[in-house]
């Protein structure tokens, strides 16, 4: 247990916290000093939600079982036509039903 909390680990956590804080505050300060947002910056900011969603969904899709893959595909198809909560419920329902009846 003492190997987890040595000074190197503590300094690494502190450095990571400082780096995270500086990037967040730096982005805020940079954006507040701009008169208008350039189109390329706006396009990059618009791509952030897609990148985050991809980061969250991809590992689950590839590490999950067949029921998870099927649930995500169904959720994707339902999400093209219906709102987010309906999409979530459809995928969840398929996964739970498959796990209950198939095992």
N, C-alpha and C. Protein backbone atom coordinates (compact mmCIF):
# COMPACT_ATOMS: atom_id res chain seq x y z
N UNK A 1 0.82 -1.20 0.00
CA UNK A 1 0.00 0.00 0.00
C UNK A 1 0.86 1.26 0.00
N UNK A 2 2.00 1.21 0.65
CA UNK A 2 2.85 2.40 0.69
C UNK A 2 3.46 2.71 -0.67
N UNK A 3 3.52 1.71 -1.57
CA UNK A 3 4.04 1.97 -2.91
C UNK A 3 3.11 2.85 -3.72
N UNK A 4 1.83 2.84 -3.39
CA UNK A 4 0.88 3.67 -4.12
C UNK A 4 1.00 5.14 -3.77
N UNK A 5 1.41 5.44 -2.57
CA UNK A 5 1.42 6.81 -2.09
C UNK A 5 2.83 7.31 -1.81
N UNK A 6 3.74 7.05 -2.72
CA UNK A 6 5.09 7.60 -2.56
C UNK A 6 5.13 9.03 -3.09
N UNK A 7 6.23 9.72 -2.88
CA UNK A 7 6.32 11.12 -3.27
C UNK A 7 6.25 11.31 -4.79
N UNK A 8 6.78 10.36 -5.54
CA UNK A 8 6.71 10.47 -7.00
C UNK A 8 5.25 10.49 -7.45
N UNK A 9 4.44 9.60 -6.92
CA UNK A 9 3.03 9.56 -7.29
C UNK A 9 2.32 10.84 -6.87
N UNK A 10 2.62 11.34 -5.71
CA UNK A 10 2.01 12.58 -5.23
C UNK A 10 2.37 13.74 -6.15
N UNK A 11 3.62 13.87 -6.53
CA UNK A 11 4.04 14.95 -7.43
C UNK A 11 3.41 14.81 -8.82
N UNK A 12 3.24 13.56 -9.25
CA UNK A 12 2.60 13.32 -10.54
C UNK A 12 1.13 13.75 -10.52
N UNK A 13 0.44 13.46 -9.43
CA UNK A 13 -0.95 13.89 -9.28
C UNK A 13 -1.04 15.41 -9.23
N UNK A 14 -0.16 16.04 -8.48
CA UNK A 14 -0.16 17.50 -8.38
C UNK A 14 0.14 18.14 -9.74
N UNK A 15 1.12 17.60 -10.47
CA UNK A 15 1.46 18.13 -11.79
C UNK A 15 0.29 17.97 -12.76
N UNK A 16 -0.38 16.83 -12.71
CA UNK A 16 -1.54 16.61 -13.56
C UNK A 16 -2.67 17.57 -13.24
N UNK A 17 -2.88 17.83 -11.95
CA UNK A 17 -3.93 18.77 -11.54
C UNK A 17 -3.60 20.18 -12.01
N UNK A 18 -2.36 20.58 -11.88
CA UNK A 18 -1.95 21.92 -12.33
C UNK A 18 -2.08 22.05 -13.85
N UNK A 19 -1.65 21.02 -14.58
CA UNK A 19 -1.76 21.05 -16.04
C UNK A 19 -3.23 21.12 -16.48
N UNK A 20 -4.08 20.36 -15.82
CA UNK A 20 -5.51 20.40 -16.15
C UNK A 20 -6.09 21.77 -15.87
N UNK A 21 -5.77 22.33 -14.72
CA UNK A 21 -6.29 23.66 -14.37
C UNK A 21 -5.79 24.72 -15.34
N UNK A 22 -4.52 24.66 -15.69
CA UNK A 22 -3.95 25.67 -16.59
C UNK A 22 -4.57 25.59 -17.99
N UNK A 23 -4.83 24.38 -18.50
CA UNK A 23 -5.45 24.29 -19.82
C UNK A 23 -6.88 24.80 -19.79
N UNK A 24 -7.59 24.54 -18.70
CA UNK A 24 -8.97 25.03 -18.61
C UNK A 24 -9.01 26.55 -18.49
N UNK A 25 -8.22 27.10 -17.59
CA UNK A 25 -8.23 28.55 -17.39
C UNK A 25 -7.61 29.26 -18.60
N UNK A 26 -6.62 28.62 -19.23
CA UNK A 26 -6.01 29.20 -20.42
C UNK A 26 -6.99 29.31 -21.57
N UNK A 27 -7.78 28.26 -21.78
CA UNK A 27 -8.80 28.30 -22.82
C UNK A 27 -9.84 29.37 -22.55
N UNK A 28 -10.23 29.50 -21.30
CA UNK A 28 -11.21 30.53 -20.93
C UNK A 28 -10.64 31.92 -21.18
N UNK A 29 -9.41 32.15 -20.74
CA UNK A 29 -8.80 33.47 -20.93
C UNK A 29 -8.61 33.79 -22.41
N UNK A 30 -8.22 32.80 -23.18
CA UNK A 30 -8.03 33.00 -24.61
C UNK A 30 -9.35 33.36 -25.30
N UNK A 31 -10.41 32.67 -24.94
CA UNK A 31 -11.71 32.93 -25.57
C UNK A 31 -12.29 34.29 -25.16
N UNK A 32 -12.05 34.71 -23.91
CA UNK A 32 -12.61 35.99 -23.48
C UNK A 32 -11.88 37.17 -24.12
N UNK A 33 -10.65 36.99 -24.56
CA UNK A 33 -9.88 38.08 -25.17
C UNK A 33 -10.18 38.24 -26.67
N UNK A 34 -10.85 37.28 -27.25
CA UNK A 34 -11.16 37.36 -28.68
C UNK A 34 -12.41 38.22 -28.90
N UNK A 35 -12.37 39.04 -29.92
CA UNK A 35 -13.55 39.84 -30.29
C UNK A 35 -14.62 38.94 -30.90
N UNK A 36 -14.18 38.06 -31.79
CA UNK A 36 -15.08 37.07 -32.39
C UNK A 36 -14.31 35.77 -32.55
N UNK A 37 -15.04 34.69 -32.59
CA UNK A 37 -14.41 33.38 -32.71
C UNK A 37 -14.13 33.09 -34.19
N UNK A 38 -12.89 32.79 -34.53
CA UNK A 38 -12.57 32.45 -35.92
C UNK A 38 -13.31 31.17 -36.35
N UNK A 39 -13.62 31.06 -37.62
CA UNK A 39 -14.39 29.89 -38.10
C UNK A 39 -13.70 28.55 -37.81
N UNK A 40 -12.38 28.51 -37.91
CA UNK A 40 -11.68 27.24 -37.65
C UNK A 40 -11.76 26.85 -36.18
N UNK A 41 -11.70 27.83 -35.29
CA UNK A 41 -11.83 27.54 -33.86
C UNK A 41 -13.25 27.07 -33.56
N UNK A 42 -14.22 27.74 -34.16
CA UNK A 42 -15.61 27.34 -33.96
C UNK A 42 -15.86 25.93 -34.47
N UNK A 43 -15.28 25.58 -35.60
CA UNK A 43 -15.44 24.23 -36.14
C UNK A 43 -14.79 23.20 -35.20
N UNK A 44 -13.64 23.55 -34.65
CA UNK A 44 -12.99 22.65 -33.69
C UNK A 44 -13.82 22.47 -32.43
N UNK A 45 -14.39 23.55 -31.92
CA UNK A 45 -15.23 23.45 -30.74
C UNK A 45 -16.50 22.66 -31.01
N UNK A 46 -17.04 22.78 -32.22
CA UNK A 46 -18.23 22.01 -32.57
C UNK A 46 -17.94 20.52 -32.68
N UNK A 47 -16.68 20.15 -32.92
CA UNK A 47 -16.31 18.73 -33.04
C UNK A 47 -16.08 18.07 -31.68
N UNK A 48 -15.98 18.83 -30.61
CA UNK A 48 -15.69 18.26 -29.30
C UNK A 48 -16.75 17.27 -28.82
N UNK A 49 -18.05 17.56 -28.90
CA UNK A 49 -19.03 16.57 -28.43
C UNK A 49 -18.95 15.24 -29.16
N UNK A 50 -18.71 15.26 -30.45
CA UNK A 50 -18.59 14.02 -31.21
C UNK A 50 -17.36 13.24 -30.76
N UNK A 51 -16.27 13.94 -30.50
CA UNK A 51 -15.04 13.27 -30.05
C UNK A 51 -15.24 12.64 -28.68
N UNK A 52 -15.91 13.34 -27.79
CA UNK A 52 -16.15 12.80 -26.45
C UNK A 52 -17.08 11.59 -26.52
N UNK A 53 -18.13 11.69 -27.31
CA UNK A 53 -19.07 10.57 -27.45
C UNK A 53 -18.36 9.35 -28.03
N UNK A 54 -17.53 9.55 -29.03
CA UNK A 54 -16.77 8.45 -29.62
C UNK A 54 -15.85 7.81 -28.59
N UNK A 55 -15.21 8.63 -27.77
CA UNK A 55 -14.32 8.13 -26.75
C UNK A 55 -15.06 7.29 -25.71
N UNK A 56 -16.29 7.63 -25.41
CA UNK A 56 -17.07 6.88 -24.43
C UNK A 56 -17.68 5.61 -25.01
N UNK A 57 -18.12 5.66 -26.26
CA UNK A 57 -18.87 4.55 -26.84
C UNK A 57 -17.96 3.46 -27.41
N UNK A 58 -16.87 3.81 -28.05
CA UNK A 58 -16.04 2.84 -28.75
C UNK A 58 -15.50 1.73 -27.86
N UNK A 59 -14.90 2.01 -26.70
CA UNK A 59 -14.41 0.89 -25.87
C UNK A 59 -15.52 -0.04 -25.42
N UNK A 60 -16.68 0.51 -25.10
CA UNK A 60 -17.81 -0.32 -24.68
C UNK A 60 -18.28 -1.20 -25.82
N UNK A 61 -18.31 -0.66 -27.01
CA UNK A 61 -18.75 -1.44 -28.17
C UNK A 61 -17.82 -2.61 -28.42
N UNK A 62 -16.52 -2.38 -28.37
CA UNK A 62 -15.57 -3.45 -28.69
C UNK A 62 -15.32 -4.41 -27.53
N UNK A 63 -15.50 -3.96 -26.29
CA UNK A 63 -15.28 -4.84 -25.14
C UNK A 63 -16.55 -5.53 -24.68
N UNK A 64 -17.70 -5.01 -25.06
CA UNK A 64 -18.97 -5.58 -24.63
C UNK A 64 -19.32 -6.84 -25.41
N UNK A 65 -20.31 -7.55 -24.92
CA UNK A 65 -20.77 -8.76 -25.59
C UNK A 65 -21.66 -8.44 -26.77
N UNK A 66 -22.21 -9.48 -27.35
CA UNK A 66 -23.06 -9.30 -28.53
C UNK A 66 -24.32 -8.50 -28.19
N UNK A 67 -24.83 -8.65 -26.96
CA UNK A 67 -26.03 -7.92 -26.59
C UNK A 67 -25.77 -6.41 -26.49
N UNK A 68 -24.57 -6.05 -26.05
CA UNK A 68 -24.21 -4.63 -25.98
C UNK A 68 -24.05 -4.05 -27.38
N UNK A 69 -23.42 -4.80 -28.25
CA UNK A 69 -23.27 -4.34 -29.64
C UNK A 69 -24.64 -4.15 -30.30
N UNK A 70 -25.52 -5.13 -30.11
CA UNK A 70 -26.87 -5.04 -30.69
C UNK A 70 -27.63 -3.86 -30.09
N UNK A 71 -27.51 -3.66 -28.78
CA UNK A 71 -28.18 -2.54 -28.12
C UNK A 71 -27.70 -1.20 -28.63
N UNK A 72 -26.40 -1.08 -28.86
CA UNK A 72 -25.86 0.18 -29.38
C UNK A 72 -26.31 0.43 -30.82
N UNK A 73 -26.37 -0.62 -31.60
CA UNK A 73 -26.82 -0.46 -32.99
C UNK A 73 -28.29 -0.05 -33.02
N UNK A 74 -29.10 -0.71 -32.19
CA UNK A 74 -30.52 -0.34 -32.11
C UNK A 74 -30.66 1.10 -31.62
N UNK A 75 -29.88 1.48 -30.61
CA UNK A 75 -29.94 2.85 -30.10
C UNK A 75 -29.55 3.85 -31.19
N UNK A 76 -28.55 3.50 -31.99
CA UNK A 76 -28.15 4.38 -33.09
C UNK A 76 -29.29 4.56 -34.09
N UNK A 77 -29.93 3.47 -34.46
CA UNK A 77 -31.02 3.54 -35.43
C UNK A 77 -32.20 4.31 -34.87
N UNK A 78 -32.56 4.02 -33.60
CA UNK A 78 -33.67 4.74 -32.97
C UNK A 78 -33.32 6.22 -32.81
N UNK A 79 -32.05 6.51 -32.50
CA UNK A 79 -31.62 7.89 -32.30
C UNK A 79 -31.67 8.74 -33.55
N UNK A 80 -31.69 8.12 -34.71
CA UNK A 80 -31.81 8.88 -35.94
C UNK A 80 -33.21 9.46 -36.13
N UNK A 81 -34.18 8.86 -35.44
CA UNK A 81 -35.57 9.27 -35.63
C UNK A 81 -36.22 9.88 -34.39
N UNK A 82 -35.80 9.43 -33.20
CA UNK A 82 -36.46 9.83 -31.96
C UNK A 82 -35.49 10.55 -31.03
N UNK A 83 -36.01 11.20 -29.98
CA UNK A 83 -35.13 11.93 -29.05
C UNK A 83 -34.24 11.00 -28.22
N UNK A 84 -33.30 11.63 -27.48
CA UNK A 84 -32.27 10.90 -26.76
C UNK A 84 -32.76 9.92 -25.72
N UNK A 85 -33.78 10.29 -24.96
CA UNK A 85 -34.28 9.39 -23.91
C UNK A 85 -34.91 8.14 -24.52
N UNK A 86 -35.60 8.28 -25.63
CA UNK A 86 -36.17 7.13 -26.33
C UNK A 86 -35.06 6.24 -26.86
N UNK A 87 -34.02 6.84 -27.39
CA UNK A 87 -32.88 6.09 -27.88
C UNK A 87 -32.23 5.30 -26.75
N UNK A 88 -32.01 5.96 -25.62
CA UNK A 88 -31.40 5.30 -24.46
C UNK A 88 -32.26 4.14 -23.99
N UNK A 89 -33.56 4.35 -23.90
CA UNK A 89 -34.47 3.31 -23.43
C UNK A 89 -34.49 2.12 -24.39
N UNK A 90 -34.49 2.36 -25.68
CA UNK A 90 -34.52 1.27 -26.66
C UNK A 90 -33.27 0.40 -26.55
N UNK A 91 -32.11 1.03 -26.48
CA UNK A 91 -30.87 0.26 -26.34
C UNK A 91 -30.81 -0.50 -25.03
N UNK A 92 -31.20 0.16 -23.95
CA UNK A 92 -31.20 -0.47 -22.63
C UNK A 92 -32.15 -1.65 -22.59
N UNK A 93 -33.35 -1.47 -23.15
CA UNK A 93 -34.36 -2.53 -23.14
C UNK A 93 -33.87 -3.75 -23.90
N UNK A 94 -33.23 -3.55 -25.03
CA UNK A 94 -32.71 -4.68 -25.79
C UNK A 94 -31.63 -5.42 -25.01
N UNK A 95 -30.72 -4.70 -24.39
CA UNK A 95 -29.64 -5.34 -23.63
C UNK A 95 -30.20 -6.11 -22.45
N UNK A 96 -31.11 -5.51 -21.69
CA UNK A 96 -31.67 -6.18 -20.51
C UNK A 96 -32.49 -7.40 -20.92
N UNK A 97 -33.31 -7.26 -21.95
CA UNK A 97 -34.12 -8.39 -22.41
C UNK A 97 -33.25 -9.53 -22.91
N UNK A 98 -32.24 -9.22 -23.68
CA UNK A 98 -31.34 -10.25 -24.19
C UNK A 98 -30.61 -10.95 -23.06
N UNK A 99 -30.13 -10.19 -22.10
CA UNK A 99 -29.43 -10.80 -20.96
C UNK A 99 -30.37 -11.67 -20.12
N UNK A 100 -31.61 -11.26 -20.02
CA UNK A 100 -32.56 -12.02 -19.21
C UNK A 100 -32.94 -13.36 -19.87
N UNK A 101 -33.24 -13.31 -21.16
CA UNK A 101 -33.73 -14.50 -21.83
C UNK A 101 -32.64 -15.39 -22.42
N UNK A 102 -31.56 -14.79 -22.88
CA UNK A 102 -30.48 -15.58 -23.50
C UNK A 102 -29.41 -15.94 -22.47
N UNK A 103 -29.13 -15.01 -21.59
CA UNK A 103 -28.16 -15.31 -20.54
C UNK A 103 -26.89 -14.71 -20.75
